[in-house]
Amino acid sequence: MIDASRQLLVKEIRIWSRLAHKNILPFLGFIIEGEYPSLISEWMENGTALNYVRENPDTDILELVS
């Protein structure tokens, strides 16, 4: 992982780990496999927001993000 990418990862971890809001999943940790970091949160039964909208095209996106 190059230095600039590492700095961005650290920044993202710092920000997310300090957030506390009912609509934001808590940050649980991270793992780096090879060159690819993954940030870890709780498992969501409906997957990511993007997957949910793709699976439910009639979803009111503005309602979802608010």
PDB file of N, CA and C in Angstrom:
ATOM      1  N   MET A   1       0.863  -1.177   0.000  1.00  0.00           N
ATOM      2  CA  MET A   1       0.000   0.000   0.000  1.00  0.00           C
ATOM      3  C   MET A   1       0.905   1.234   0.000  1.00  0.00           C
ATOM      4  N   ILE A   2       0.691   2.147  -0.965  1.00  0.00           N
ATOM      5  CA  ILE A   2       1.540   3.335  -1.029  1.00  0.00           C
ATOM      6  C   ILE A   2       1.165   4.313   0.082  1.00  0.00           C
ATOM      7  N   ASP A   3       2.071   5.216   0.370  1.00  0.00           N
ATOM      8  CA  ASP A   3       1.927   6.116   1.509  1.00  0.00           C
ATOM      9  C   ASP A   3       0.658   6.970   1.434  1.00  0.00           C
ATOM     10  N   ALA A   4       0.336   7.534   0.267  1.00  0.00           N
ATOM     11  CA  ALA A   4      -0.864   8.380   0.135  1.00  0.00           C
ATOM     12  C   ALA A   4      -2.122   7.568   0.410  1.00  0.00           C
ATOM     13  N   SER A   5      -2.178   6.355  -0.088  1.00  0.00           N
ATOM     14  CA  SER A   5      -3.331   5.485   0.155  1.00  0.00           C
ATOM     15  C   SER A   5      -3.443   5.133   1.627  1.00  0.00           C
ATOM     16  N   ARG A   6      -2.329   4.885   2.252  1.00  0.00           N
ATOM     17  CA  ARG A   6      -2.316   4.562   3.681  1.00  0.00           C
ATOM     18  C   ARG A   6      -2.844   5.742   4.495  1.00  0.00           C
ATOM     19  N   GLN A   7      -2.431   6.951   4.135  1.00  0.00           N
ATOM     20  CA  GLN A   7      -2.899   8.148   4.834  1.00  0.00           C
ATOM     21  C   GLN A   7      -4.409   8.310   4.692  1.00  0.00           C
ATOM     22  N   LEU A   8      -4.945   8.053   3.494  1.00  0.00           N
ATOM     23  CA  LEU A   8      -6.391   8.136   3.286  1.00  0.00           C
ATOM     24  C   LEU A   8      -7.131   7.093   4.115  1.00  0.00           C
ATOM     25  N   LEU A   9      -6.572   5.888   4.192  1.00  0.00           N
ATOM     26  CA  LEU A   9      -7.177   4.830   4.990  1.00  0.00           C
ATOM     27  C   LEU A   9      -7.204   5.219   6.464  1.00  0.00           C
ATOM     28  N   VAL A  10      -6.099   5.720   6.976  1.00  0.00           N
ATOM     29  CA  VAL A  10      -6.030   6.132   8.381  1.00  0.00           C
ATOM     30  C   VAL A  10      -7.028   7.251   8.657  1.00  0.00           C
ATOM     31  N   LYS A  11      -7.140   8.199   7.743  1.00  0.00           N
ATOM     32  CA  LYS A  11      -8.097   9.306   7.905  1.00  0.00           C
ATOM     33  C   LYS A  11      -9.530   8.772   7.966  1.00  0.00           C
ATOM     34  N   GLU A  12      -9.873   7.863   7.063  1.00  0.00           N
ATOM     35  CA  GLU A  12     -11.216   7.283   7.036  1.00  0.00           C
ATOM     36  C   GLU A  12     -11.511   6.528   8.332  1.00  0.00           C
ATOM     37  N   ILE A  13     -10.554   5.768   8.811  1.00  0.00           N
ATOM     38  CA  ILE A  13     -10.721   5.016  10.054  1.00  0.00           C
ATOM     39  C   ILE A  13     -10.935   5.971  11.229  1.00  0.00           C
ATOM     40  N   ARG A  14     -10.145   7.023  11.301  1.00  0.00           N
ATOM     41  CA  ARG A  14     -10.294   7.994  12.396  1.00  0.00           C
ATOM     42  C   ARG A  14     -11.669   8.641  12.392  1.00  0.00           C
ATOM     43  N   ILE A  15     -12.110   9.061  11.224  1.00  0.00           N
ATOM     44  CA  ILE A  15     -13.421   9.724  11.133  1.00  0.00           C
ATOM     45  C   ILE A  15     -14.530   8.753  11.494  1.00  0.00           C
ATOM     46  N   TRP A  16     -14.551   7.591  10.841  1.00  0.00           N
ATOM     47  CA  TRP A  16     -15.649   6.643  11.052  1.00  0.00           C
ATOM     48  C   TRP A  16     -15.686   6.145  12.498  1.00  0.00           C
ATOM     49  N   SER A  17     -14.525   5.917  13.086  1.00  0.00           N
ATOM     50  CA  SER A  17     -14.498   5.361  14.441  1.00  0.00           C
ATOM     51  C   SER A  17     -15.034   6.340  15.485  1.00  0.00           C
ATOM     52  N   ARG A  18     -15.072   7.618  15.165  1.00  0.00           N
ATOM     53  CA  ARG A  18     -15.576   8.630  16.100  1.00  0.00           C
ATOM     54  C   ARG A  18     -17.055   8.957  15.903  1.00  0.00           C
ATOM     55  N   LEU A  19     -17.652   8.454  14.837  1.00  0.00           N
ATOM     56  CA  LEU A  19     -19.056   8.761  14.558  1.00  0.00           C
ATOM     57  C   LEU A  19     -19.982   7.951  15.454  1.00  0.00           C
ATOM     58  N   ALA A  20     -21.048   8.598  15.892  1.00  0.00           N
ATOM     59  CA  ALA A  20     -22.076   7.917  16.684  1.00  0.00           C
ATOM     60  C   ALA A  20     -23.423   8.484  16.252  1.00  0.00           C
ATOM     61  N   HIS A  21     -24.118   7.753  15.391  1.00  0.00           N
ATOM     62  CA  HIS A  21     -25.408   8.193  14.870  1.00  0.00           C
ATOM     63  C   HIS A  21     -26.235   6.960  14.559  1.00  0.00           C
ATOM     64  N   LYS A  22     -27.544   7.059  14.749  1.00  0.00           N
ATOM     65  CA  LYS A  22     -28.411   5.896  14.554  1.00  0.00           C
ATOM     66  C   LYS A  22     -28.407   5.369  13.118  1.00  0.00           C
ATOM     67  N   ASN A  23     -28.043   6.207  12.158  1.00  0.00           N
ATOM     68  CA  ASN A  23     -28.049   5.787  10.754  1.00  0.00           C
ATOM     69  C   ASN A  23     -26.671   5.431  10.216  1.00  0.00           C
ATOM     70  N   ILE A  24     -25.684   5.381  11.087  1.00  0.00           N
ATOM     71  CA  ILE A  24     -24.324   5.017  10.672  1.00  0.00           C
ATOM     72  C   ILE A  24     -23.877   3.806  11.472  1.00  0.00           C
ATOM     73  N   LEU A  25     -23.509   2.763  10.764  1.00  0.00           N
ATOM     74  CA  LEU A  25     -23.031   1.556  11.434  1.00  0.00           C
ATOM     75  C   LEU A  25     -21.743   1.839  12.183  1.00  0.00           C
ATOM     76  N   PRO A  26     -21.560   1.221  13.342  1.00  0.00           N
ATOM     77  CA  PRO A  26     -20.304   1.418  14.058  1.00  0.00           C
ATOM     78  C   PRO A  26     -19.139   0.745  13.325  1.00  0.00           C
ATOM     79  N   PHE A  27     -17.998   1.379  13.433  1.00  0.00           N
ATOM     80  CA  PHE A  27     -16.768   0.840  12.857  1.00  0.00           C
ATOM     81  C   PHE A  27     -16.220  -0.215  13.809  1.00  0.00           C
ATOM     82  N   LEU A  28     -16.006  -1.426  13.309  1.00  0.00           N
ATOM     83  CA  LEU A  28     -15.529  -2.519  14.152  1.00  0.00           C
ATOM     84  C   LEU A  28     -14.044  -2.810  13.979  1.00  0.00           C
ATOM     85  N   GLY A  29     -13.499  -2.470  12.839  1.00  0.00           N
ATOM     86  CA  GLY A  29     -12.088  -2.742  12.620  1.00  0.00           C
ATOM     87  C   GLY A  29     -11.741  -2.738  11.146  1.00  0.00           C
ATOM     88  N   PHE A  30     -10.547  -3.223  10.836  1.00  0.00           N
ATOM     89  CA  PHE A  30     -10.111  -3.308   9.446  1.00  0.00           C
ATOM     90  C   PHE A  30      -9.167  -4.485   9.278  1.00  0.00           C
ATOM     91  N   ILE A  31      -8.998  -4.874   8.034  1.00  0.00           N
ATOM     92  CA  ILE A  31      -8.057  -5.933   7.681  1.00  0.00           C
ATOM     93  C   ILE A  31      -7.426  -5.551   6.352  1.00  0.00           C
ATOM     94  N   ILE A  32      -6.165  -5.891   6.208  1.00  0.00           N
ATOM     95  CA  ILE A  32      -5.491  -5.672   4.933  1.00  0.00           C
ATOM     96  C   ILE A  32      -5.035  -7.026   4.434  1.00  0.00           C
ATOM     97  N   GLU A  33      -5.580  -7.420   3.294  1.00  0.00           N
ATOM     98  CA  GLU A  33      -5.188  -8.677   2.657  1.00  0.00           C
ATOM     99  C   GLU A  33      -4.441  -8.319   1.389  1.00  0.00           C
ATOM    100  N   GLY A  34      -3.168  -8.593   1.354  1.00  0.00           N
ATOM    101  CA  GLY A  34      -2.351  -8.171   0.215  1.00  0.00           C
ATOM    102  C   GLY A  34      -2.288  -6.658   0.199  1.00  0.00           C
ATOM    103  N   GLU A  35      -2.738  -6.058  -0.881  1.00  0.00           N
ATOM    104  CA  GLU A  35      -2.732  -4.604  -1.005  1.00  0.00           C
ATOM    105  C   GLU A  35      -4.105  -3.988  -0.744  1.00  0.00           C
ATOM    106  N   TYR A  36      -5.094  -4.801  -0.429  1.00  0.00           N
ATOM    107  CA  TYR A  36      -6.466  -4.321  -0.381  1.00  0.00           C
ATOM    108  C   TYR A  36      -7.014  -4.249   1.041  1.00  0.00           C
ATOM    109  N   PRO A  37      -7.252  -3.020   1.542  1.00  0.00           N
ATOM    110  CA  PRO A  37      -7.835  -2.881   2.875  1.00  0.00           C
ATOM    111  C   PRO A  37      -9.350  -3.035   2.830  1.00  0.00           C
ATOM    112  N   SER A  38      -9.908  -3.548   3.899  1.00  0.00           N
ATOM    113  CA  SER A  38     -11.356  -3.638   4.059  1.00  0.00           C
ATOM    114  C   SER A  38     -11.712  -3.082   5.427  1.00  0.00           C
ATOM    115  N   LEU A  39     -12.678  -2.175   5.457  1.00  0.00           N
ATOM    116  CA  LEU A  39     -13.184  -1.640   6.713  1.00  0.00           C
ATOM    117  C   LEU A  39     -14.356  -2.509   7.135  1.00  0.00           C
ATOM    118  N   ILE A  40     -14.468  -2.792   8.417  1.00  0.00           N
ATOM    119  CA  ILE A  40     -15.440  -3.772   8.902  1.00  0.00           C
ATOM    120  C   ILE A  40     -16.508  -3.096   9.750  1.00  0.00           C
ATOM    121  N   SER A  41     -17.767  -3.442   9.440  1.00  0.00           N
ATOM    122  CA  SER A  41     -18.911  -2.980  10.226  1.00  0.00           C
ATOM    123  C   SER A  41     -19.787  -4.190  10.526  1.00  0.00           C
ATOM    124  N   GLU A  42     -20.890  -3.946  11.209  1.00  0.00           N
ATOM    125  CA  GLU A  42     -21.831  -5.025  11.490  1.00  0.00           C
ATOM    126  C   GLU A  42     -22.405  -5.574  10.181  1.00  0.00           C
ATOM    127  N   TRP A  43     -22.801  -6.834  10.196  1.00  0.00           N
ATOM    128  CA  TRP A  43     -23.431  -7.467   9.048  1.00  0.00           C
ATOM    129  C   TRP A  43     -24.833  -6.913   8.879  1.00  0.00           C
ATOM    130  N   MET A  44     -25.183  -6.543   7.651  1.00  0.00           N
ATOM    131  CA  MET A  44     -26.522  -6.046   7.364  1.00  0.00           C
ATOM    132  C   MET A  44     -27.241  -7.075   6.490  1.00  0.00           C
ATOM    133  N   GLU A  45     -28.379  -7.534   6.961  1.00  0.00           N
ATOM    134  CA  GLU A  45     -29.119  -8.599   6.280  1.00  0.00           C
ATOM    135  C   GLU A  45     -29.458  -8.239   4.835  1.00  0.00           C
ATOM    136  N   ASN A  46     -29.751  -6.963   4.574  1.00  0.00           N
ATOM    137  CA  ASN A  46     -30.109  -6.537   3.225  1.00  0.00           C
ATOM    138  C   ASN A  46     -28.911  -6.080   2.410  1.00  0.00           C
ATOM    139  N   GLY A  47     -27.709  -6.302   2.905  1.00  0.00           N
ATOM    140  CA  GLY A  47     -26.506  -5.931   2.167  1.00  0.00           C
ATOM    141  C   GLY A  47     -26.232  -4.435   2.225  1.00  0.00           C
ATOM    142  N   THR A  48     -25.481  -3.951   1.245  1.00  0.00           N
ATOM    143  CA  THR A  48     -25.149  -2.536   1.188  1.00  0.00           C
ATOM    144  C   THR A  48     -26.352  -1.730   0.725  1.00  0.00           C
ATOM    145  N   ALA A  49     -26.290  -0.427   0.935  1.00  0.00           N
ATOM    146  CA  ALA A  49     -27.369   0.449   0.477  1.00  0.00           C
ATOM    147  C   ALA A  49     -27.532   0.334  -1.039  1.00  0.00           C
ATOM    148  N   LEU A  50     -26.405   0.276  -1.748  1.00  0.00           N
ATOM    149  CA  LEU A  50     -26.464   0.153  -3.209  1.00  0.00           C
ATOM    150  C   LEU A  50     -27.140  -1.151  -3.622  1.00  0.00           C
ATOM    151  N   ASN A  51     -26.781  -2.259  -2.991  1.00  0.00           N
ATOM    152  CA  ASN A  51     -27.422  -3.539  -3.304  1.00  0.00           C
ATOM    153  C   ASN A  51     -28.913  -3.506  -2.987  1.00  0.00           C
ATOM    154  N   TYR A  52     -29.261  -2.875  -1.870  1.00  0.00           N
ATOM    155  CA  TYR A  52     -30.665  -2.780  -1.478  1.00  0.00           C
ATOM    156  C   TYR A  52     -31.473  -2.030  -2.541  1.00  0.00           C
ATOM    157  N   VAL A  53     -30.950  -0.907  -3.013  1.00  0.00           N
ATOM    158  CA  VAL A  53     -31.661  -0.119  -4.028  1.00  0.00           C
ATOM    159  C   VAL A  53     -31.758  -0.888  -5.338  1.00  0.00           C
ATOM    160  N   ARG A  54     -30.710  -1.597  -5.690  1.00  0.00           N
ATOM    161  CA  ARG A  54     -30.760  -2.408  -6.919  1.00  0.00           C
ATOM    162  C   ARG A  54     -31.817  -3.513  -6.816  1.00  0.00           C
ATOM    163  N   GLU A  55     -31.921  -4.124  -5.645  1.00  0.00           N
ATOM    164  CA  GLU A  55     -32.892  -5.201  -5.435  1.00  0.00           C
ATOM    165  C   GLU A  55     -34.315  -4.676  -5.239  1.00  0.00           C
ATOM    166  N   ASN A  56     -34.444  -3.411  -4.858  1.00  0.00           N
ATOM    167  CA  ASN A  56     -35.746  -2.794  -4.590  1.00  0.00           C
ATOM    168  C   ASN A  56     -35.844  -1.488  -5.367  1.00  0.00           C
ATOM    169  N   PRO A  57     -36.032  -1.572  -6.684  1.00  0.00           N
ATOM    170  CA  PRO A  57     -35.973  -0.372  -7.532  1.00  0.00           C
ATOM    171  C   PRO A  57     -37.045   0.678  -7.221  1.00  0.00           C
ATOM    172  N   ASP A  58     -38.095   0.311  -6.523  1.00  0.00           N
ATOM    173  CA  ASP A  58     -39.132   1.285  -6.174  1.00  0.00           C
ATOM    174  C   ASP A  58     -38.813   2.040  -4.885  1.00  0.00           C
ATOM    175  N   THR A  59     -37.646   1.793  -4.310  1.00  0.00           N
ATOM    176  CA  THR A  59     -37.242   2.452  -3.069  1.00  0.00           C
ATOM    177  C   THR A  59     -37.151   3.955  -3.271  1.00  0.00           C
ATOM    178  N   ASP A  60     -37.678   4.713  -2.330  1.00  0.00           N
ATOM    179  CA  ASP A  60     -37.539   6.161  -2.334  1.00  0.00           C
ATOM    180  C   ASP A  60     -36.143   6.490  -1.797  1.00  0.00           C
ATOM    181  N   ILE A  61     -35.239   6.793  -2.706  1.00  0.00           N
ATOM    182  CA  ILE A  61     -33.848   6.996  -2.341  1.00  0.00           C
ATOM    183  C   ILE A  61     -33.681   8.187  -1.386  1.00  0.00           C
ATOM    184  N   LEU A  62     -34.430   9.255  -1.620  1.00  0.00           N
ATOM    185  CA  LEU A  62     -34.336  10.408  -0.714  1.00  0.00           C
ATOM    186  C   LEU A  62     -34.761  10.027   0.704  1.00  0.00           C
ATOM    187  N   GLU A  63     -35.775   9.201   0.818  1.00  0.00           N
ATOM    188  CA  GLU A  63     -36.212   8.720   2.140  1.00  0.00           C
ATOM    189  C   GLU A  63     -35.119   7.868   2.770  1.00  0.00           C
ATOM    190  N   LEU A  64     -34.491   7.043   1.970  1.00  0.00           N
ATOM    191  CA  LEU A  64     -33.447   6.158   2.462  1.00  0.00           C
ATOM    192  C   LEU A  64     -32.253   6.937   3.010  1.00  0.00           C
ATOM    193  N   VAL A  65     -31.812   7.957   2.305  1.00  0.00           N
ATOM    194  CA  VAL A  65     -30.632   8.687   2.749  1.00  0.00           C
ATOM    195  C   VAL A  65     -30.925   9.692   3.864  1.00  0.00           C
ATOM    196  N   SER A  66     -32.179  10.046   4.044  1.00  0.00           N
ATOM    197  CA  SER A  66     -32.487  10.999   5.114  1.00  0.00           C
ATOM    198  C   SER A  66     -32.620  10.245   6.409  1.00  0.00           C
TER     199      SER A  66
END
